[in-house]
């Protein structure tokens, strides 16, 4: 039984690093923004978190913020572009914050209503299903680089739960790592890890401690 568990596939979800719009809470779908300087540093820290792991396949969204994250994390030479991994097309809501949208449409919910002029939840779910099918065809562990709302939909579809009710609660930070897999067999898909950002907080704590040591030496 233990050997069977070890052979079950594990799928790692790496969200891209910080952008100026992720900082301000603006919906960033197909707008091709670069990473901020902190976003680049965090992508490198994400690479440190993944160091030592091996993957049978690595796939990335074609958007530059995601491609750059894959490169800085150390997988630029092996990551293959999969266009189904792009973020939700927000249509008329592109570049807008949720609080602004709710002033016009107080009952709006992304995973239930989608976006006018953009994608519906059903369309994003279809893309997520294609990614799941592609991933499950790989004989080994897989690493994916993509964006927050798409990964939330992907997790719901992986676990075969209703995304309109469940996907909205799967919060994801930038440069976070999540893991999908199975409990005992292929009929029990699970989320094994979600929104892990310890690699970011640990790095910042080390930086703060280093600065404090420097400050103490300067005051002696």
Protein backbone atom coordinates (compact mmCIF):
# COMPACT_ATOMS: atom_id res chain seq x y z
CA UNK A 1 0.00 0.00 0.00
CA UNK A 2 2.82 2.45 0.88
CA UNK A 3 4.53 1.77 -2.45
CA UNK A 4 1.26 2.48 -4.29
CA UNK A 5 0.96 5.83 -2.50
CA UNK A 6 4.52 6.79 -3.45
CA UNK A 7 3.80 6.13 -7.09
CA UNK A 8 0.73 8.36 -7.18
CA UNK A 9 1.31 11.57 -9.12
CA UNK A 10 1.91 14.90 -7.38
CA UNK A 11 1.21 18.21 -9.11
CA UNK A 12 2.88 21.41 -7.92
CA UNK A 13 1.19 24.77 -8.57
CA UNK A 14 3.52 27.79 -8.63
CA UNK A 15 1.78 31.15 -8.83
CA UNK A 16 3.68 33.97 -10.53
CA UNK A 17 5.44 36.69 -8.54
CA UNK A 18 4.15 40.12 -7.65
CA UNK A 19 3.10 42.71 -10.25
CA UNK A 20 1.98 46.32 -9.77
CA UNK A 21 -1.63 45.27 -10.25
CA UNK A 22 -1.45 42.40 -7.78
CA UNK A 23 -0.28 44.99 -5.26
CA UNK A 24 -3.26 47.25 -5.92
CA UNK A 25 -5.80 44.43 -6.22
CA UNK A 26 -6.63 45.09 -9.87
CA UNK A 27 -7.86 42.14 -11.90
CA UNK A 28 -4.99 41.09 -14.16
CA UNK A 29 -6.09 38.68 -16.84
CA UNK A 30 -4.52 38.97 -20.27
CA UNK A 31 -2.77 42.31 -19.62
CA UNK A 32 0.88 41.30 -19.92
CA UNK A 33 2.49 43.02 -16.94
CA UNK A 34 6.08 42.36 -15.82
CA UNK A 35 7.09 41.37 -12.31
CA UNK A 36 8.06 44.06 -9.83
CA UNK A 37 11.55 43.96 -8.32
CA UNK A 38 10.09 42.26 -5.26
CA UNK A 39 8.21 39.90 -7.58
CA UNK A 40 11.51 38.88 -9.17
CA UNK A 41 13.13 38.29 -5.79
CA UNK A 42 10.17 36.21 -4.66
CA UNK A 43 10.28 34.14 -7.86
CA UNK A 44 13.89 33.29 -7.00
CA UNK A 45 12.82 32.38 -3.46
CA UNK A 46 10.14 30.14 -4.96
CA UNK A 47 12.91 28.44 -6.91
CA UNK A 48 14.72 27.80 -3.64
CA UNK A 49 11.56 26.17 -2.27
CA UNK A 50 11.43 23.86 -5.32
CA UNK A 51 15.13 23.03 -5.28
CA UNK A 52 15.82 19.32 -5.05
CA UNK A 53 12.48 18.27 -6.51
CA UNK A 54 12.34 16.51 -9.87
CA UNK A 55 9.54 16.72 -12.41
CA UNK A 56 8.62 14.64 -15.41
CA UNK A 57 7.12 17.75 -17.04
CA UNK A 58 6.91 21.50 -16.42
CA UNK A 59 4.25 23.69 -18.05
CA UNK A 60 3.76 27.45 -17.95
CA UNK A 61 1.31 30.09 -19.09
CA UNK A 62 2.65 32.18 -21.99
CA UNK A 63 2.10 35.47 -20.11
CA UNK A 64 5.38 37.22 -19.33
CA UNK A 65 4.83 37.45 -15.55
CA UNK A 66 4.48 33.68 -15.44
CA UNK A 67 7.25 32.90 -17.91
CA UNK A 68 9.62 35.16 -15.99
CA UNK A 69 8.70 33.42 -12.74
CA UNK A 70 9.50 30.03 -14.27
CA UNK A 71 12.88 31.33 -15.46
CA UNK A 72 13.84 32.89 -12.13
CA UNK A 73 12.71 29.76 -10.31
CA UNK A 74 15.17 27.78 -12.42
CA UNK A 75 12.88 26.04 -14.89
CA UNK A 76 13.10 28.32 -17.93
CA UNK A 77 15.01 25.77 -19.99
CA UNK A 78 12.48 22.95 -19.47
CA UNK A 79 9.12 24.72 -19.10
CA UNK A 80 6.77 24.21 -22.03
CA UNK A 81 4.07 26.75 -22.85
CA UNK A 82 0.49 25.61 -22.40
CA UNK A 83 -1.99 28.31 -23.41
CA UNK A 84 -4.74 26.76 -21.30
CA UNK A 85 -2.80 27.99 -18.24
CA UNK A 86 -3.45 31.69 -18.91
CA UNK A 87 -5.34 33.67 -16.29
CA UNK A 88 -9.09 34.30 -16.48
CA UNK A 89 -10.09 36.72 -19.24
CA UNK A 90 -11.81 39.43 -17.19
CA UNK A 91 -13.18 41.30 -20.21
CA UNK A 92 -14.71 44.62 -19.11
CA UNK A 93 -13.45 44.04 -15.56
CA UNK A 94 -9.79 43.92 -16.60
CA UNK A 95 -7.72 46.30 -14.50
CA UNK A 96 -10.54 46.97 -12.04
CA UNK A 97 -10.68 46.18 -8.33
CA UNK A 98 -13.41 44.04 -6.80
CA UNK A 99 -14.69 46.91 -4.63
CA UNK A 100 -15.16 49.05 -7.74
CA UNK A 101 -17.07 46.29 -9.52
CA UNK A 102 -19.33 45.69 -6.52
CA UNK A 103 -20.36 49.37 -6.49
CA UNK A 104 -21.94 48.76 -9.91
CA UNK A 105 -22.99 45.16 -9.39
CA UNK A 106 -23.31 44.40 -5.65
CA UNK A 107 -24.24 40.74 -6.19
CA UNK A 108 -21.33 39.92 -8.52
CA UNK A 109 -19.27 36.79 -7.88
CA UNK A 110 -16.49 35.85 -10.29
CA UNK A 111 -16.83 32.07 -9.97
CA UNK A 112 -20.59 32.25 -10.45
CA UNK A 113 -21.04 35.08 -12.95
CA UNK A 114 -17.80 35.39 -14.90
CA UNK A 115 -17.03 38.70 -16.55
CA UNK A 116 -18.91 40.70 -19.23
CA UNK A 117 -16.93 40.61 -22.44
CA UNK A 118 -14.63 37.98 -20.92
CA UNK A 119 -14.81 34.35 -19.90
CA UNK A 120 -17.61 32.56 -18.10
CA UNK A 121 -16.84 30.12 -15.25
CA UNK A 122 -17.77 27.28 -17.59
CA UNK A 123 -15.19 28.39 -20.16
CA UNK A 124 -12.42 28.60 -17.55
CA UNK A 125 -13.48 25.21 -16.18
CA UNK A 126 -13.14 23.74 -19.66
CA UNK A 127 -9.55 24.99 -19.85
CA UNK A 128 -8.85 23.64 -16.38
CA UNK A 129 -10.23 20.24 -17.40
CA UNK A 130 -7.89 20.15 -20.39
CA UNK A 131 -4.94 20.93 -18.12
CA UNK A 132 -5.97 18.15 -15.72
CA UNK A 133 -6.23 15.72 -18.62
CA UNK A 134 -2.80 16.76 -19.93
CA UNK A 135 -1.20 16.51 -16.50
CA UNK A 136 -2.66 13.09 -15.75
CA UNK A 137 -1.22 11.79 -19.01
CA UNK A 138 2.31 12.49 -17.71
CA UNK A 139 3.99 9.48 -16.04
CA UNK A 140 5.42 11.37 -13.09
CA UNK A 141 5.22 14.56 -11.05
CA UNK A 142 4.37 17.83 -12.78
CA UNK A 143 5.07 21.50 -12.07
CA UNK A 144 2.71 24.22 -13.34
CA UNK A 145 3.26 27.99 -13.46
CA UNK A 146 0.10 30.07 -13.73
CA UNK A 147 -2.09 32.67 -12.01
CA UNK A 148 -4.34 32.89 -8.98
CA UNK A 149 -7.91 32.59 -10.21
CA UNK A 150 -7.06 29.96 -12.78
CA UNK A 151 -5.29 27.84 -10.15
CA UNK A 152 -8.32 28.14 -7.88
CA UNK A 153 -10.52 26.80 -10.66
CA UNK A 154 -7.97 24.08 -11.43
CA UNK A 155 -7.94 22.91 -7.80
CA UNK A 156 -11.72 22.66 -7.74
CA UNK A 157 -11.79 20.69 -10.99
CA UNK A 158 -8.95 18.42 -9.81
CA UNK A 159 -10.90 17.57 -6.66
CA UNK A 160 -14.15 17.21 -8.63
CA UNK A 161 -15.99 19.74 -6.48
CA UNK A 162 -18.35 22.49 -7.60
CA UNK A 163 -16.17 25.53 -8.46
CA UNK A 164 -18.95 28.12 -8.22
CA UNK A 165 -19.31 27.31 -4.52
CA UNK A 166 -15.81 26.22 -3.56
CA UNK A 167 -13.14 27.82 -5.77
CA UNK A 168 -13.64 31.33 -4.39
CA UNK A 169 -12.41 30.25 -0.93
CA UNK A 170 -9.02 29.03 -2.22
CA UNK A 171 -7.01 32.20 -1.61
CA UNK A 172 -3.57 32.31 -3.25
CA UNK A 173 -0.70 34.72 -2.65
CA UNK A 174 1.85 35.66 -5.29
CA UNK A 175 4.86 33.33 -5.60
CA UNK A 176 3.02 30.78 -3.46
CA UNK A 177 3.29 27.02 -3.81
CA UNK A 178 0.41 24.56 -3.67
CA UNK A 179 0.30 20.81 -4.21
CA UNK A 180 -2.39 18.55 -5.64
CA UNK A 181 -2.33 14.78 -5.45
CA UNK A 182 -4.21 11.73 -4.22
CA UNK A 183 -4.93 10.21 -0.83
CA UNK A 184 -4.97 6.45 -1.42
CA UNK A 185 -5.82 5.95 -5.07
CA UNK A 186 -6.69 7.76 -8.29
CA UNK A 187 -10.33 8.02 -7.24
CA UNK A 188 -9.44 10.18 -4.24
CA UNK A 189 -7.92 13.43 -5.57
CA UNK A 190 -6.95 15.86 -2.82
CA UNK A 191 -5.24 19.16 -2.05
CA UNK A 192 -2.05 18.23 -0.17
CA UNK A 193 -0.75 21.77 0.38
CA UNK A 194 -2.26 25.18 -0.30
CA UNK A 195 -0.86 28.72 -0.50
CA UNK A 196 2.49 27.94 1.10
CA UNK A 197 4.52 31.17 1.35
CA UNK A 198 6.94 30.12 4.08
CA UNK A 199 9.82 30.49 1.62
CA UNK A 200 8.95 34.19 1.30
CA UNK A 201 8.43 35.00 4.97
CA UNK A 202 11.57 33.09 6.00
CA UNK A 203 13.67 35.06 3.52
CA UNK A 204 12.26 38.37 4.76
CA UNK A 205 12.87 37.38 8.37
CA UNK A 206 16.49 36.54 7.56
CA UNK A 207 16.85 39.91 5.86
CA UNK A 208 15.37 41.73 8.84
CA UNK A 209 17.64 39.86 11.25
CA UNK A 210 20.66 40.73 9.11
CA UNK A 211 19.71 44.41 9.02
CA UNK A 212 19.28 44.42 12.80
CA UNK A 213 22.76 42.95 13.28
CA UNK A 214 24.24 45.60 10.99
CA UNK A 215 22.40 48.36 12.87
CA UNK A 216 23.68 47.08 16.22
CA UNK A 217 27.26 47.01 14.98
CA UNK A 218 26.89 50.57 13.64
CA UNK A 219 25.77 51.86 17.05
CA UNK A 220 28.67 50.32 18.97
